[in-house]
Amino acid sequence: MRRLLVLLLTALLLLSGCAALAEPEAPEEEWGDYQQFLPEEPQEEEPEEQAYPAAFSLPYCRNMKLDPVEGGEGFQEMVASLLYEPLFRLDEHFEPVPVLCESYAWDESGLVCTLTVREDVVFSDGSALTARDVEETLQRAMVSERYAYRLRNVASVAAGRRGQTVTVTLTAPDRGLPALLDIPIVKRTTAGERVPLGTGPYVLEGENGAESLRAREGTDLPLKTIPLVPAKDQETALYLFETRQVEMLPTDPADTPSMVSGRVQATVQPTAIMQFIGFNTGEGRPFADEALRAQLSRSIDRETLVSAQLVGLAQAAQFPVHPASPLYPKELEQPWEEVQPPAAGREPLKLLVGGGDAFRAAEARFIAGELNKLGWQITVEEQPWEAYLAALEAGEFDLYLGEVRLTADWDLTDLIGTEGTLNYGGYTRETTDILLQLFAGAENRQETAARLYSHLRSFAPIAPICFRNYTVLTYPDVVEGLAPAPSYLFQDMEQWTVRLAEEEAVAVMGENEE
């Protein structure tokens, strides 16, 4: 009976709190024996004292090459990016900024690009960077698992007989080529080694689990030494981060195996990974009608999707180019329309989504649910990944939720071109193919991009939804100034402020002063 009264009293307290009744509180003595079961008065918690690390450590995999052409992505790529530099690096707008390339020029056909390599750059052993180093790195990249796709239109790479020039010959014009050349360069005589020589701001020192990165002479960086902590995989690296054995970790929020506990700072890193709705445009299918495709695209409330389902994980986009790019046609954006679909849209439709990804499955259900409120009749069908791909190849869908990592030249030929290898919906239109070719070869990419995106808005071969974000995890107040670019986490590192424990901070200050 006593327990029942306690439960009733607790329920009454909860109900009165939910209803926000302004009744006077009963005197304490009236509660008698039940006073002990009432919640204690909340006490203000004293703010936790910030614990700064003794050193700024990073995870790395000892059993995997740091060669940027053959090495891994994620935290291994993070370490490698401090050892090696590319010809170009993408800035926050996905625009190529010269690093090891001094200048470049095109011939009249738009098929041959001549790069001039800087003469004032040396590798960590003091030897000069040469055109041959660039030539052989790019040639290896052309046949590598990591870079072969982005360089699929490169016919040849050849160093000039004299000077510091490298000639890149293409099979089709692509003035966006520099944006594809954010490929780190290594010294050719060390290519393929576990740690080939690079021109980056740090050099690897130590062995047998006691490795660290040391800043090269002449660099003005906030950290002279970065200890490296062995990690066999991303899950191990996450554990090292959670236990404060490393201080920084890049993550894909959709693939992170567990939630990080405690106070953590997550900084967004933009990517070129686009999510979109694909249409089956085959003959006799509802979405063979471009007007129906365009209406469904306008009916997707992208901003609500991103804010409700993908908080911090994506950026809404109506066009197949990242909104941060100067090519994104903001003036062509259309407001969301709460419009009933025509009769064809009220027929039962199947939205296919690949299984094994909780984020994508939740997105698909949200999109279908919101469209169905407007009168569409869309059912989500989740299939295992292999079955999903087989269904796309066989055209057994009305719509599908797709995800693709676009190259930074924003070439869409494979996705929506008539012969595109990723054109599962079978979309074909001669005007689209022509505009794709004009965009690729145009000197004035801004103007031709606007024409292309205006055309895509009308015919809607796909319905872009958003671009995914990655996140870089750090602990609060340890790093100030972190602003990751799409292909480089350590953008403007010389302007960072890194706070370490007092002993280490004094040591670092002394080294800087020397």
Protein backbone atom coordinates (compact mmCIF):
# COMPACT_ATOMS: atom_id res chain seq x y z
CA MET A 1 0.00 0.00 0.00
CA ARG A 2 2.87 2.35 0.85
CA ARG A 3 4.44 1.75 -2.58
CA LEU A 4 1.12 2.42 -4.32
CA LEU A 5 0.76 5.76 -2.53
CA VAL A 6 4.27 6.70 -3.52
CA LEU A 7 3.51 5.91 -7.18
CA LEU A 8 0.29 7.93 -7.03
CA LEU A 9 2.07 10.89 -5.51
CA THR A 10 4.76 10.70 -8.17
CA ALA A 11 2.13 10.58 -10.90
CA LEU A 12 0.35 13.60 -9.46
CA LEU A 13 3.61 15.53 -9.36
CA LEU A 14 4.33 14.67 -12.99
CA LEU A 15 0.81 15.57 -14.11
CA SER A 16 0.88 18.88 -12.30
CA GLY A 17 4.24 19.64 -13.87
CA CYS A 18 2.98 18.80 -17.36
CA ALA A 19 -0.15 20.95 -16.91
CA ALA A 20 1.88 23.78 -15.40
CA LEU A 21 -0.79 24.42 -12.71
CA ALA A 22 -0.14 27.43 -10.51
CA GLU A 23 -1.43 25.90 -7.28
CA PRO A 24 0.21 26.81 -3.99
CA GLU A 25 2.71 24.26 -2.70
CA ALA A 26 1.62 22.16 0.29
CA PRO A 27 3.56 22.71 3.48
CA GLU A 28 6.38 20.25 3.97
CA GLU A 29 4.88 18.80 7.18
CA GLU A 30 1.72 17.69 5.32
CA TRP A 31 3.74 15.18 3.29
CA GLY A 32 4.71 13.36 6.46
CA ASP A 33 6.47 10.08 5.77
CA TYR A 34 6.39 10.64 2.02
CA GLN A 35 8.73 13.63 2.18
CA GLN A 36 11.66 11.26 1.68
CA PHE A 37 10.31 10.21 -1.74
CA LEU A 38 10.07 13.72 -3.16
CA PRO A 39 12.81 14.82 -5.53
CA GLU A 40 15.58 16.82 -3.95
CA GLU A 41 15.98 20.47 -4.81
CA PRO A 42 18.26 20.71 -7.84
CA GLN A 43 21.68 22.07 -6.99
CA GLU A 44 23.70 24.16 -9.35
CA GLU A 45 26.57 22.15 -10.71
CA GLU A 46 29.96 23.75 -10.67
CA PRO A 47 31.38 23.99 -14.16
CA GLU A 48 33.96 21.33 -14.93
CA GLU A 49 37.50 22.59 -15.11
CA GLN A 50 38.84 22.25 -18.64
CA ALA A 51 41.55 19.58 -18.83
CA TYR A 52 44.00 20.34 -21.60
CA PRO A 53 46.08 17.50 -23.04
CA ALA A 54 49.82 17.22 -22.45
CA ALA A 55 50.32 16.74 -26.19
CA PHE A 56 48.23 16.94 -29.36
CA SER A 57 48.21 13.31 -30.58
CA LEU A 58 46.70 11.77 -33.71
CA PRO A 59 45.78 8.16 -34.57
CA TYR A 60 47.45 6.29 -37.40
CA CYS A 61 47.71 2.71 -38.68
CA ARG A 62 51.25 1.31 -38.59
CA ASN A 63 50.31 -1.64 -40.81
CA MET A 64 48.98 0.54 -43.63
CA LYS A 65 51.02 2.59 -46.05
CA LEU A 66 51.13 6.35 -45.69
CA ASP A 67 51.76 6.56 -49.43
CA PRO A 68 48.85 8.84 -50.40
CA VAL A 69 48.22 6.99 -53.67
CA GLU A 70 48.00 3.54 -52.08
CA GLY A 71 47.14 4.41 -48.47
CA GLY A 72 43.81 4.54 -46.69
CA GLU A 73 41.32 7.31 -46.12
CA GLY A 74 39.94 8.68 -42.85
CA PHE A 75 42.46 9.14 -40.05
CA GLN A 76 45.29 7.63 -42.16
CA GLU A 77 44.68 10.25 -44.84
CA MET A 78 44.63 12.91 -42.10
CA VAL A 79 48.19 12.01 -41.06
CA ALA A 80 49.39 11.67 -44.67
CA SER A 81 48.09 15.16 -45.53
CA LEU A 82 50.72 16.61 -43.17
CA LEU A 83 53.52 14.76 -44.99
CA TYR A 84 52.54 15.37 -48.62
CA GLU A 85 51.25 18.23 -50.74
CA PRO A 86 49.20 18.23 -53.98
CA LEU A 87 49.43 20.33 -57.12
CA PHE A 88 46.16 22.00 -56.12
CA ARG A 89 44.06 21.98 -52.98
CA LEU A 90 40.30 22.59 -52.85
CA ASP A 91 39.28 25.59 -50.75
CA GLU A 92 36.03 25.99 -48.83
CA HIS A 93 34.24 26.77 -52.13
CA PHE A 94 35.55 23.62 -53.85
CA GLU A 95 37.76 25.84 -55.99
CA PRO A 96 41.32 24.64 -56.81
CA VAL A 97 44.10 26.69 -55.18
CA PRO A 98 47.68 26.15 -56.47
CA VAL A 99 50.08 24.51 -54.01
CA LEU A 100 52.90 22.76 -55.91
CA CYS A 101 51.69 24.05 -59.28
CA GLU A 102 52.94 27.52 -60.18
CA SER A 103 50.69 27.98 -63.22
CA TYR A 104 48.86 26.10 -65.96
CA ALA A 105 47.69 26.74 -69.54
CA TRP A 106 45.36 25.07 -72.05
CA ASP A 107 45.81 24.56 -75.77
CA GLU A 108 43.06 25.65 -78.19
CA SER A 109 41.40 22.22 -78.28
CA GLY A 110 40.94 22.12 -74.50
CA LEU A 111 42.49 18.64 -74.52
CA VAL A 112 46.03 19.47 -73.42
CA CYS A 113 46.85 21.19 -70.13
CA THR A 114 50.45 22.18 -69.41
CA LEU A 115 51.31 22.50 -65.73
CA THR A 116 54.36 24.37 -64.47
CA VAL A 117 55.71 22.92 -61.23
CA ARG A 118 57.26 25.23 -58.63
CA GLU A 119 61.05 25.31 -58.53
CA ASP A 120 61.41 26.43 -54.90
CA VAL A 121 60.01 23.27 -53.28
CA VAL A 122 62.11 20.52 -51.69
CA PHE A 123 61.31 17.13 -50.22
CA SER A 124 61.97 16.37 -46.58
CA ASP A 125 65.44 15.00 -47.49
CA GLY A 126 66.40 18.32 -49.10
CA SER A 127 66.13 17.15 -52.73
CA ALA A 128 64.24 19.32 -55.21
CA LEU A 129 60.73 18.57 -56.43
CA THR A 130 60.85 17.78 -60.16
CA ALA A 131 58.38 17.40 -63.01
CA ARG A 132 59.30 13.69 -63.08
CA ASP A 133 58.02 13.29 -59.51
CA VAL A 134 54.68 14.79 -60.56
CA GLU A 135 54.55 12.71 -63.75
CA GLU A 136 55.12 9.39 -62.00
CA THR A 137 52.77 10.14 -59.10
CA LEU A 138 49.94 11.00 -61.49
CA GLN A 139 50.66 7.96 -63.63
CA ARG A 140 50.38 5.73 -60.57
CA ALA A 141 47.19 7.55 -59.58
CA MET A 142 45.64 6.84 -63.00
CA VAL A 143 45.67 3.10 -62.30
CA SER A 144 45.08 3.25 -58.54
CA GLU A 145 41.88 2.14 -56.84
CA ARG A 146 41.56 5.51 -55.15
CA TYR A 147 42.07 7.95 -58.04
CA ALA A 148 41.42 6.02 -61.26
CA TYR A 149 37.81 7.17 -61.57
CA ARG A 150 38.51 10.89 -61.27
CA LEU A 151 41.32 10.58 -63.85
CA ARG A 152 39.30 8.36 -66.23
CA ASN A 153 39.45 11.01 -68.98
CA VAL A 154 43.22 11.43 -68.75
CA ALA A 155 44.94 9.80 -71.74
CA SER A 156 48.53 10.51 -70.71
CA VAL A 157 50.80 12.44 -68.35
CA ALA A 158 54.31 13.40 -69.47
CA ALA A 159 57.08 15.51 -67.95
CA GLY A 160 58.78 18.00 -70.27
CA ARG A 161 62.33 17.27 -71.39
CA ARG A 162 63.43 20.56 -69.92
CA GLY A 163 62.27 22.68 -67.07
CA GLN A 164 59.42 22.00 -64.69
CA THR A 165 56.49 21.37 -67.04
CA VAL A 166 54.07 18.45 -67.03
CA THR A 167 51.63 17.88 -69.90
CA VAL A 168 48.27 16.24 -69.20
CA THR A 169 46.39 15.07 -72.30
CA LEU A 170 42.64 14.32 -72.05
CA THR A 171 40.31 12.16 -74.12
CA ALA A 172 37.61 14.86 -73.90
CA PRO A 173 37.77 18.56 -72.89
CA ASP A 174 37.50 19.25 -69.16
CA ARG A 175 38.45 22.73 -67.99
CA GLY A 176 37.71 21.61 -64.44
CA LEU A 177 40.83 19.40 -64.46
CA PRO A 178 42.75 21.41 -61.80
CA ALA A 179 40.03 20.58 -59.26
CA LEU A 180 40.82 16.88 -59.84
CA LEU A 181 44.52 17.28 -59.16
CA ASP A 182 44.41 17.53 -55.37
CA ILE A 183 46.47 14.33 -55.44
CA PRO A 184 49.48 14.41 -53.07
CA ILE A 185 52.87 14.15 -54.79
CA VAL A 186 55.67 11.87 -53.53
CA LYS A 187 59.34 11.56 -54.48
CA ARG A 188 59.35 9.10 -57.36
CA THR A 189 62.32 7.05 -56.12
CA THR A 190 60.46 6.33 -52.86
CA ALA A 191 57.02 5.66 -54.40
CA GLY A 192 55.32 2.58 -53.00
CA GLU A 193 57.29 2.58 -49.76
CA ARG A 194 55.37 2.56 -46.50
CA VAL A 195 56.34 6.20 -45.92
CA PRO A 196 57.64 7.79 -49.15
CA LEU A 197 59.19 11.23 -49.02
CA GLY A 198 56.95 14.28 -49.36
CA THR A 199 57.07 18.07 -49.40
CA GLY A 200 54.56 18.60 -46.56
CA PRO A 201 55.12 20.66 -43.40
CA TYR A 202 55.90 17.59 -41.25
CA VAL A 203 58.21 14.57 -41.39
CA LEU A 204 57.69 11.18 -39.72
CA GLU A 205 60.18 10.20 -37.00
CA GLY A 206 60.58 7.22 -34.65
CA GLU A 207 59.60 3.55 -34.97
CA ASN A 208 57.96 0.59 -33.22
CA GLY A 209 54.91 2.41 -31.93
CA ALA A 210 56.82 5.53 -30.86
CA GLU A 211 56.37 7.51 -34.06
CA SER A 212 55.62 11.20 -34.22
CA LEU A 213 55.39 14.01 -36.73
CA ARG A 214 58.03 16.74 -36.46
CA ALA A 215 57.54 20.13 -38.08
CA ARG A 216 60.14 20.86 -40.75
CA GLU A 217 62.51 23.76 -40.34
CA GLY A 218 61.19 27.03 -41.65
CA THR A 219 57.54 26.23 -40.90
CA ASP A 220 55.51 28.47 -38.60
CA LEU A 221 53.06 26.04 -37.02
CA PRO A 222 51.42 25.90 -33.57
CA LEU A 223 52.70 22.35 -32.97
CA LYS A 224 56.35 21.38 -33.37
CA THR A 225 55.65 17.72 -32.52
CA ILE A 226 52.55 15.58 -32.99
CA PRO A 227 52.74 12.13 -31.34
CA LEU A 228 51.09 9.30 -33.29
CA VAL A 229 49.08 6.59 -31.51
CA PRO A 230 48.64 3.24 -33.32
CA ALA A 231 45.05 2.34 -34.29
CA LYS A 232 44.12 -0.66 -36.41
CA ASP A 233 40.78 0.73 -37.63
CA GLN A 234 38.22 3.52 -37.24
CA GLU A 235 36.57 1.87 -34.25
CA THR A 236 39.90 1.66 -32.44
CA ALA A 237 40.62 5.28 -33.31
CA LEU A 238 37.23 6.26 -31.90
CA TYR A 239 38.06 4.46 -28.64
CA LEU A 240 41.39 6.30 -28.48
CA PHE A 241 39.55 9.57 -28.93
CA GLU A 242 36.94 8.76 -26.28
CA THR A 243 39.71 7.92 -23.80
CA ARG A 244 41.65 11.12 -24.62
CA GLN A 245 44.63 9.27 -26.09
CA VAL A 246 44.23 11.24 -29.32
CA GLU A 247 42.84 14.75 -29.69
CA MET A 248 41.37 14.83 -33.19
CA LEU A 249 39.42 12.40 -35.34
CA PRO A 250 37.68 12.75 -38.73
CA THR A 251 34.40 10.84 -38.94
CA ASP A 252 31.57 10.05 -41.29
CA PRO A 253 28.56 10.45 -38.95
CA ALA A 254 26.64 7.81 -40.89
CA ASP A 255 29.37 5.22 -40.34
CA THR A 256 30.55 6.06 -36.82
CA PRO A 257 30.19 2.75 -34.92
CA SER A 258 29.21 4.30 -31.60
CA MET A 259 28.27 7.61 -30.08
CA VAL A 260 31.04 9.61 -28.46
CA SER A 261 30.26 10.38 -24.84
CA GLY A 262 31.15 13.52 -22.90
CA ARG A 263 31.78 17.07 -24.09
CA VAL A 264 32.95 16.93 -27.68
CA GLN A 265 33.24 19.57 -30.37
CA ALA A 266 32.22 18.50 -33.89
CA THR A 267 33.38 20.73 -36.74
CA VAL A 268 31.72 20.29 -40.14
CA GLN A 269 33.80 19.30 -43.16
CA PRO A 270 31.91 19.74 -46.47
CA THR A 271 32.03 16.94 -49.05
CA ALA A 272 31.01 16.40 -52.65
CA ILE A 273 28.81 13.43 -51.66
CA MET A 274 25.37 14.15 -53.09
CA GLN A 275 22.13 12.44 -52.13
CA PHE A 276 19.33 12.53 -54.67
CA ILE A 277 16.10 10.94 -55.84
CA GLY A 278 16.52 9.01 -59.08
CA PHE A 279 13.62 8.39 -61.49
CA ASN A 280 12.85 5.45 -63.73
CA THR A 281 12.24 7.30 -66.99
CA GLY A 282 11.62 4.17 -69.06
CA GLU A 283 8.81 4.06 -71.59
CA GLY A 284 5.43 3.55 -70.00
CA ARG A 285 6.69 4.51 -66.54
CA PRO A 286 5.05 7.41 -64.66
CA PHE A 287 8.31 9.34 -64.51
CA ALA A 288 8.87 9.20 -68.23
CA ASP A 289 6.97 12.52 -67.94
CA GLU A 290 9.45 15.33 -67.17
CA ALA A 291 6.65 17.51 -65.78
CA LEU A 292 5.86 14.90 -63.14
CA ARG A 293 9.56 14.61 -62.25
CA ALA A 294 9.90 18.36 -61.94
CA GLN A 295 6.82 18.60 -59.73
CA LEU A 296 8.02 15.89 -57.37
CA SER A 297 11.39 17.64 -57.12
CA ARG A 298 9.69 20.94 -56.22
CA SER A 299 7.53 19.13 -53.66
CA ILE A 300 10.51 17.84 -51.63
CA ASP A 301 10.96 20.05 -48.60
CA ARG A 302 14.76 19.84 -48.50
CA GLU A 303 15.27 22.40 -45.75
CA THR A 304 12.89 20.59 -43.39
CA LEU A 305 14.49 17.26 -44.23
CA VAL A 306 17.96 18.57 -43.40
CA SER A 307 16.88 20.37 -40.24
CA ALA A 308 14.67 17.53 -38.94
CA GLN A 309 16.51 14.40 -40.03
CA LEU A 310 20.08 15.40 -40.88
CA VAL A 311 20.97 18.04 -38.32
CA GLY A 312 24.54 19.10 -39.09
CA LEU A 313 25.00 16.12 -41.39
CA ALA A 314 24.10 17.70 -44.72
CA GLN A 315 23.39 20.89 -46.64
CA ALA A 316 20.23 21.19 -48.73
CA ALA A 317 20.73 21.57 -52.49
CA GLN A 318 18.37 21.85 -55.46
CA PHE A 319 21.12 21.40 -58.04
CA PRO A 320 23.89 18.82 -58.56
CA VAL A 321 26.69 21.12 -57.40
CA HIS A 322 27.63 21.99 -53.83
CA PRO A 323 25.92 25.19 -52.58
CA ALA A 324 29.32 26.54 -51.48
CA SER A 325 30.59 26.46 -55.07
CA PRO A 326 30.46 29.72 -57.06
CA LEU A 327 28.80 27.65 -59.81
CA TYR A 328 25.73 26.96 -57.66
CA PRO A 329 22.84 28.96 -59.24
CA LYS A 330 21.12 30.36 -56.16
CA GLU A 331 19.06 32.66 -58.36
CA LEU A 332 17.46 29.58 -59.98
CA GLU A 333 16.27 28.04 -56.72
CA GLN A 334 12.52 27.53 -56.42
CA PRO A 335 10.51 27.73 -53.19
CA TRP A 336 8.99 24.57 -51.82
CA GLU A 337 5.49 24.00 -53.20
CA GLU A 338 2.69 22.37 -51.21
CA VAL A 339 0.87 21.23 -54.34
CA GLN A 340 -1.31 18.18 -54.97
CA PRO A 341 0.22 15.82 -57.56
CA PRO A 342 -1.56 15.06 -60.83
CA ALA A 343 -3.34 11.71 -61.32
CA ALA A 344 -0.09 9.91 -62.26
CA GLY A 345 1.43 10.93 -58.91
CA ARG A 346 -1.51 9.49 -57.00
CA GLU A 347 -0.85 5.99 -58.35
CA PRO A 348 1.12 3.59 -56.09
CA LEU A 349 4.85 4.27 -56.49
CA LYS A 350 7.87 2.43 -55.09
CA LEU A 351 10.85 4.27 -53.61
CA LEU A 352 13.84 1.95 -53.41
CA VAL A 353 16.55 2.41 -50.76
CA GLY A 354 19.66 0.34 -50.10
CA GLY A 355 19.70 -1.50 -46.77
CA GLY A 356 22.35 -1.34 -44.10
CA ASP A 357 22.33 2.44 -43.74
CA ALA A 358 19.99 3.69 -41.01
CA PHE A 359 20.46 7.31 -42.05
CA ARG A 360 19.40 6.73 -45.66
CA ALA A 361 16.47 4.52 -44.67
CA ALA A 362 15.19 7.21 -42.28
CA GLU A 363 15.60 9.84 -45.01
CA ALA A 364 13.63 7.75 -47.49
CA ARG A 365 10.77 7.26 -45.03
CA PHE A 366 10.72 10.96 -44.18
CA ILE A 367 10.66 12.02 -47.84
CA ALA A 368 7.91 9.53 -48.70
CA GLY A 369 5.89 10.53 -45.63
CA GLU A 370 6.05 14.23 -46.44
CA LEU A 371 5.16 13.68 -50.11
CA ASN A 372 2.28 11.39 -49.17
CA LYS A 373 0.80 14.19 -47.07
CA LEU A 374 0.45 16.10 -50.34
CA GLY A 375 -1.37 13.25 -52.05
CA TRP A 376 1.43 11.13 -53.51
CA GLN A 377 1.22 7.36 -52.94
CA ILE A 378 4.84 6.36 -52.28
CA THR A 379 5.89 3.19 -50.48
CA VAL A 380 9.49 2.77 -49.28
CA GLU A 381 11.09 -0.58 -50.07
CA GLU A 382 14.38 -1.24 -48.28
CA GLN A 383 16.56 -3.95 -49.78
CA PRO A 384 20.01 -5.38 -48.94
CA TRP A 385 22.75 -3.56 -50.82
CA GLU A 386 23.39 -6.22 -53.45
CA ALA A 387 19.67 -6.66 -54.11
CA TYR A 388 19.29 -2.86 -54.27
CA LEU A 389 21.98 -2.59 -56.95
CA ALA A 390 20.48 -5.50 -58.88
CA ALA A 391 17.05 -3.81 -58.82
CA LEU A 392 18.59 -0.58 -60.13
CA GLU A 393 20.35 -2.43 -62.95
CA ALA A 394 17.10 -4.21 -63.84
CA GLY A 395 14.99 -1.04 -63.65
CA GLU A 396 12.70 -2.55 -61.01
CA PHE A 397 11.75 0.71 -59.30
CA ASP A 398 9.82 3.92 -59.78
CA LEU A 399 12.15 6.04 -57.65
CA TYR A 400 15.31 5.35 -55.70
CA LEU A 401 17.29 7.20 -53.06
CA GLY A 402 20.83 7.46 -54.39
CA GLU A 403 24.15 8.71 -53.12
CA VAL A 404 27.19 9.54 -55.24
CA ARG A 405 30.55 11.19 -54.61
CA LEU A 406 30.81 13.76 -57.38
CA THR A 407 34.18 14.87 -58.67
CA ALA A 408 35.01 18.52 -58.00
CA ASP A 409 34.84 19.41 -61.70
CA TRP A 410 31.09 18.68 -61.21
CA ASP A 411 30.95 16.41 -64.27
CA LEU A 412 27.50 14.72 -64.38
CA THR A 413 28.00 12.68 -67.55
CA ASP A 414 28.07 9.31 -65.81
CA LEU A 415 25.01 10.17 -63.74
CA ILE A 416 22.64 11.64 -66.32
CA GLY A 417 24.40 11.31 -69.69
CA THR A 418 22.82 8.97 -72.24
CA GLU A 419 25.63 6.42 -71.90
CA GLY A 420 26.31 7.15 -68.23
CA THR A 421 27.35 4.14 -66.16
CA LEU A 422 25.33 5.45 -63.18
CA ASN A 423 22.27 6.44 -65.24
CA TYR A 424 20.06 3.72 -63.78
CA GLY A 425 16.87 5.59 -64.64
CA GLY A 426 17.62 5.41 -68.36
CA TYR A 427 17.31 9.18 -68.82
CA THR A 428 18.23 10.32 -72.31
CA ARG A 429 18.02 13.70 -73.97
CA GLU A 430 20.27 15.03 -76.70
CA THR A 431 20.12 18.60 -75.39
CA THR A 432 21.30 17.44 -71.98
CA ASP A 433 24.28 15.61 -73.50
CA ILE A 434 25.25 18.70 -75.49
CA LEU A 435 25.04 20.97 -72.45
CA LEU A 436 27.16 18.56 -70.42
CA GLN A 437 29.85 18.65 -73.11
CA LEU A 438 29.72 22.45 -73.38
CA PHE A 439 30.03 22.82 -69.61
CA ALA A 440 33.05 20.50 -69.46
CA GLY A 441 34.95 22.32 -72.19
CA ALA A 442 33.90 25.90 -71.52
CA GLU A 443 36.38 28.58 -70.54
CA ASN A 444 33.52 30.52 -68.93
CA ARG A 445 32.21 27.78 -66.67
CA GLN A 446 29.93 30.17 -64.75
CA GLU A 447 27.84 31.01 -67.80
CA THR A 448 27.58 27.47 -69.16
CA ALA A 449 26.82 26.10 -65.68
CA ALA A 450 23.83 28.43 -65.38
CA ARG A 451 22.49 27.19 -68.75
CA LEU A 452 22.99 23.56 -67.75
CA TYR A 453 21.33 23.90 -64.33
CA SER A 454 18.39 25.84 -65.74
CA HIS A 455 17.87 22.99 -68.20
CA LEU A 456 18.11 20.37 -65.43
CA ARG A 457 15.57 22.26 -63.33
CA SER A 458 13.02 21.93 -66.13
CA PHE A 459 13.64 18.31 -67.14
CA ALA A 460 14.68 16.90 -63.74
CA PRO A 461 16.62 13.76 -64.73
CA ILE A 462 17.29 13.46 -60.98
CA ALA A 463 16.13 15.42 -57.93
CA PRO A 464 19.16 16.51 -55.88
CA ILE A 465 18.42 16.65 -52.16
CA CYS A 466 21.56 17.52 -50.22
CA PHE A 467 25.32 17.23 -49.88
CA ARG A 468 26.67 15.21 -46.97
CA ASN A 469 28.99 16.64 -44.33
CA TYR A 470 31.75 14.83 -42.52
CA THR A 471 32.71 15.94 -39.02
CA VAL A 472 36.05 16.47 -37.30
CA LEU A 473 35.91 15.64 -33.60
CA THR A 474 38.02 17.56 -31.08
CA TYR A 475 37.63 18.45 -27.42
CA PRO A 476 36.27 21.91 -26.55
CA ASP A 477 38.76 24.79 -26.44
CA VAL A 478 41.75 22.62 -27.36
CA VAL A 479 41.87 23.83 -30.98
CA GLU A 480 40.78 27.27 -32.05
CA GLY A 481 40.61 28.17 -35.74
CA LEU A 482 39.80 24.70 -37.10
CA ALA A 483 38.06 25.20 -40.46
CA PRO A 484 38.40 22.03 -42.58
CA ALA A 485 38.32 22.39 -46.35
CA PRO A 486 36.86 19.59 -48.52
CA SER A 487 40.23 17.95 -49.14
CA TYR A 488 42.31 19.22 -46.22
CA LEU A 489 41.57 19.16 -42.49
CA PHE A 490 44.51 21.40 -41.62
CA GLN A 491 43.47 24.41 -43.67
CA ASP A 492 45.27 27.56 -42.40
CA MET A 493 46.88 25.54 -39.62
CA GLU A 494 49.46 28.27 -39.05
CA GLN A 495 46.61 30.40 -37.69
CA TRP A 496 45.40 27.81 -35.18
CA THR A 497 45.63 28.22 -31.44
CA VAL A 498 46.28 24.89 -29.72
CA ARG A 499 45.94 24.81 -25.92
CA LEU A 500 48.01 22.19 -24.12
CA ALA A 501 48.71 21.47 -20.47
CA GLU A 502 50.99 24.03 -18.85
CA GLU A 503 54.18 21.99 -18.95
CA GLU A 504 53.83 21.18 -22.63
CA ALA A 505 52.69 24.71 -23.49
CA VAL A 506 55.89 26.12 -21.96
CA ALA A 507 57.98 23.59 -23.89
CA VAL A 508 56.30 24.41 -27.17
CA MET A 509 56.64 28.14 -26.54
CA GLY A 510 60.34 27.70 -25.91
CA GLU A 511 60.82 25.78 -29.13
CA ASN A 512 58.95 28.45 -31.06
CA GLU A 513 61.09 31.17 -29.55
CA GLU A 514 64.27 29.34 -30.55
